[in-house]
Structure formats: C-alpha cells, structure tokens
Amino acid sequence: MQTKVSSRGQTSIPAQIRKKYGIKENSKLQWIDEGEIITVVPISEDPIKAFRGSSKNKDIVKILLEERRKERERDE
C-alpha cells in the first residue's frame, strides 16, 4: 500500500491497516528510523495487556539470535 505525504508532512493510514491494528483517533505511533527503512509501530493504550501471551509457543532465544545476526549484517 502506498500513501502520499502532504505539503504539511501529513499522510493517511489506509483503513485496512487502521482496522487490523486498532488505530483510532488520538492513537500513538512510534516511528523507528533503521537507516534505510522506517518502521511505524502502533503503541497500545495498555502495553502490558498487548504484550501478554505474545511469546507463547515461540523460541524467544532463537528469534533474538536471528535478529542480532540481521543487525550485524546490516551494520557491516
């Protein structure tokens, strides 16, 4: 999906994305500059509730090691 940025630096979030991630009026978004990529992350009103159960049935150590490997490759 693509959107345009207005002359005031504003852009709209497509309805499909807003619905999927529960983004409503006055929702907060975190913008993360990763060099060549910008990641936008919705911030939950209740971060504890949003995080609860997110690691169930996942190999956290394996995921963390893979992310670190990708970071090292990006830095090189």
C-alpha atoms as a PDB file:
ATOM      1  CA  MET A   1       0.000   0.000   0.000  1.00  0.00           C
ATOM      2  CA  GLN A   2       1.137   3.493  -0.736  1.00  0.00           C
ATOM      3  CA  THR A   3       0.122   6.886   0.570  1.00  0.00           C
ATOM      4  CA  LYS A   4       1.267  10.411  -0.238  1.00  0.00           C
ATOM      5  CA  VAL A   5       2.741  12.949   2.126  1.00  0.00           C
ATOM      6  CA  SER A   6       1.032  16.356   2.079  1.00  0.00           C
ATOM      7  CA  SER A   7       2.846  19.688   1.938  1.00  0.00           C
ATOM      8  CA  ARG A   8       2.378  19.830   5.735  1.00  0.00           C
ATOM      9  CA  GLY A   9       4.171  16.481   6.207  1.00  0.00           C
ATOM     10  CA  GLN A  10       0.981  14.545   6.892  1.00  0.00           C
ATOM     11  CA  THR A  11      -0.085  11.185   5.494  1.00  0.00           C
ATOM     12  CA  SER A  12      -3.124   8.987   5.981  1.00  0.00           C
ATOM     13  CA  ILE A  13      -3.108   5.419   7.250  1.00  0.00           C
ATOM     14  CA  PRO A  14      -5.093   3.085   4.985  1.00  0.00           C
ATOM     15  CA  ALA A  15      -8.371   1.886   6.559  1.00  0.00           C
ATOM     16  CA  GLN A  16      -7.348  -1.771   6.288  1.00  0.00           C
ATOM     17  CA  ILE A  17      -4.220  -1.100   8.394  1.00  0.00           C
ATOM     18  CA  ARG A  18      -6.130   1.030  10.935  1.00  0.00           C
ATOM     19  CA  LYS A  19      -8.711  -1.714  11.447  1.00  0.00           C
ATOM     20  CA  LYS A  20      -6.148  -4.518  11.680  1.00  0.00           C
ATOM     21  CA  TYR A  21      -4.066  -2.739  14.341  1.00  0.00           C
ATOM     22  CA  GLY A  22      -6.856  -0.885  16.148  1.00  0.00           C
ATOM     23  CA  ILE A  23      -5.507   2.560  15.247  1.00  0.00           C
ATOM     24  CA  LYS A  24      -8.101   5.209  16.100  1.00  0.00           C
ATOM     25  CA  GLU A  25      -8.198   8.951  16.619  1.00  0.00           C
ATOM     26  CA  ASN A  26      -5.510  10.009  19.122  1.00  0.00           C
ATOM     27  CA  SER A  27      -3.716   6.651  18.886  1.00  0.00           C
ATOM     28  CA  LYS A  28       0.037   6.966  19.338  1.00  0.00           C
ATOM     29  CA  LEU A  29       2.546   5.664  16.797  1.00  0.00           C
ATOM     30  CA  GLN A  30       6.260   5.060  17.303  1.00  0.00           C
ATOM     31  CA  TRP A  31       8.456   5.930  14.290  1.00  0.00           C
ATOM     32  CA  ILE A  32      11.706   3.959  14.196  1.00  0.00           C
ATOM     33  CA  ASP A  33      14.476   5.066  11.809  1.00  0.00           C
ATOM     34  CA  GLU A  34      16.502   1.992  10.902  1.00  0.00           C
ATOM     35  CA  GLY A  35      18.773   3.655   8.370  1.00  0.00           C
ATOM     36  CA  GLU A  36      17.223   2.813   5.001  1.00  0.00           C
ATOM     37  CA  ILE A  37      13.880   1.697   6.450  1.00  0.00           C
ATOM     38  CA  ILE A  38      11.324   3.494   8.624  1.00  0.00           C
ATOM     39  CA  THR A  39       9.140   1.283  10.804  1.00  0.00           C
ATOM     40  CA  VAL A  40       5.872   2.580  12.259  1.00  0.00           C
ATOM     41  CA  VAL A  41       4.619   0.749  15.350  1.00  0.00           C
ATOM     42  CA  PRO A  42       1.256   1.420  16.997  1.00  0.00           C
ATOM     43  CA  ILE A  43       1.573   1.936  20.757  1.00  0.00           C
ATOM     44  CA  SER A  44      -1.082   0.125  22.735  1.00  0.00           C
ATOM     45  CA  GLU A  45      -3.049   2.025  25.378  1.00  0.00           C
ATOM     46  CA  ASP A  46      -2.282  -0.895  27.718  1.00  0.00           C
ATOM     47  CA  PRO A  47       1.195  -2.176  26.762  1.00  0.00           C
ATOM     48  CA  ILE A  48       1.153  -4.912  29.419  1.00  0.00           C
ATOM     49  CA  LYS A  49      -2.095  -6.328  28.075  1.00  0.00           C
ATOM     50  CA  ALA A  50      -0.820  -6.112  24.486  1.00  0.00           C
ATOM     51  CA  PHE A  51       2.389  -7.975  25.379  1.00  0.00           C
ATOM     52  CA  ARG A  52       0.706 -10.702  27.444  1.00  0.00           C
ATOM     53  CA  GLY A  53       0.879 -14.048  25.641  1.00  0.00           C
ATOM     54  CA  SER A  54       2.970 -12.733  22.748  1.00  0.00           C
ATOM     55  CA  SER A  55       5.804 -15.194  23.424  1.00  0.00           C
ATOM     56  CA  LYS A  56       3.622 -18.263  23.850  1.00  0.00           C
ATOM     57  CA  ASN A  57       4.822 -21.188  21.709  1.00  0.00           C
ATOM     58  CA  LYS A  58       7.840 -19.231  20.416  1.00  0.00           C
ATOM     59  CA  ASP A  59      11.525 -19.933  20.770  1.00  0.00           C
ATOM     60  CA  ILE A  60      12.485 -16.499  22.088  1.00  0.00           C
ATOM     61  CA  VAL A  61      16.229 -17.217  22.175  1.00  0.00           C
ATOM     62  CA  LYS A  62      16.222 -18.382  18.553  1.00  0.00           C
ATOM     63  CA  ILE A  63      14.281 -15.298  17.453  1.00  0.00           C
ATOM     64  CA  LEU A  64      16.598 -12.960  19.381  1.00  0.00           C
ATOM     65  CA  LEU A  65      19.737 -14.562  17.929  1.00  0.00           C
ATOM     66  CA  GLU A  66      18.324 -14.274  14.397  1.00  0.00           C
ATOM     67  CA  GLU A  67      17.512 -10.585  14.920  1.00  0.00           C
ATOM     68  CA  ARG A  68      21.020  -9.920  16.236  1.00  0.00           C
ATOM     69  CA  ARG A  69      22.525 -11.696  13.207  1.00  0.00           C
ATOM     70  CA  LYS A  70      20.477  -9.492  10.873  1.00  0.00           C
ATOM     71  CA  GLU A  71      21.588  -6.361  12.752  1.00  0.00           C
ATOM     72  CA  ARG A  72      25.245  -7.346  12.419  1.00  0.00           C
ATOM     73  CA  GLU A  73      24.802  -7.934   8.672  1.00  0.00           C
ATOM     74  CA  ARG A  74      23.108  -4.554   8.281  1.00  0.00           C
ATOM     75  CA  ASP A  75      25.902  -2.807  10.193  1.00  0.00           C
ATOM     76  CA  GLU A  76      28.629  -4.317   8.005  1.00  0.00           C
END
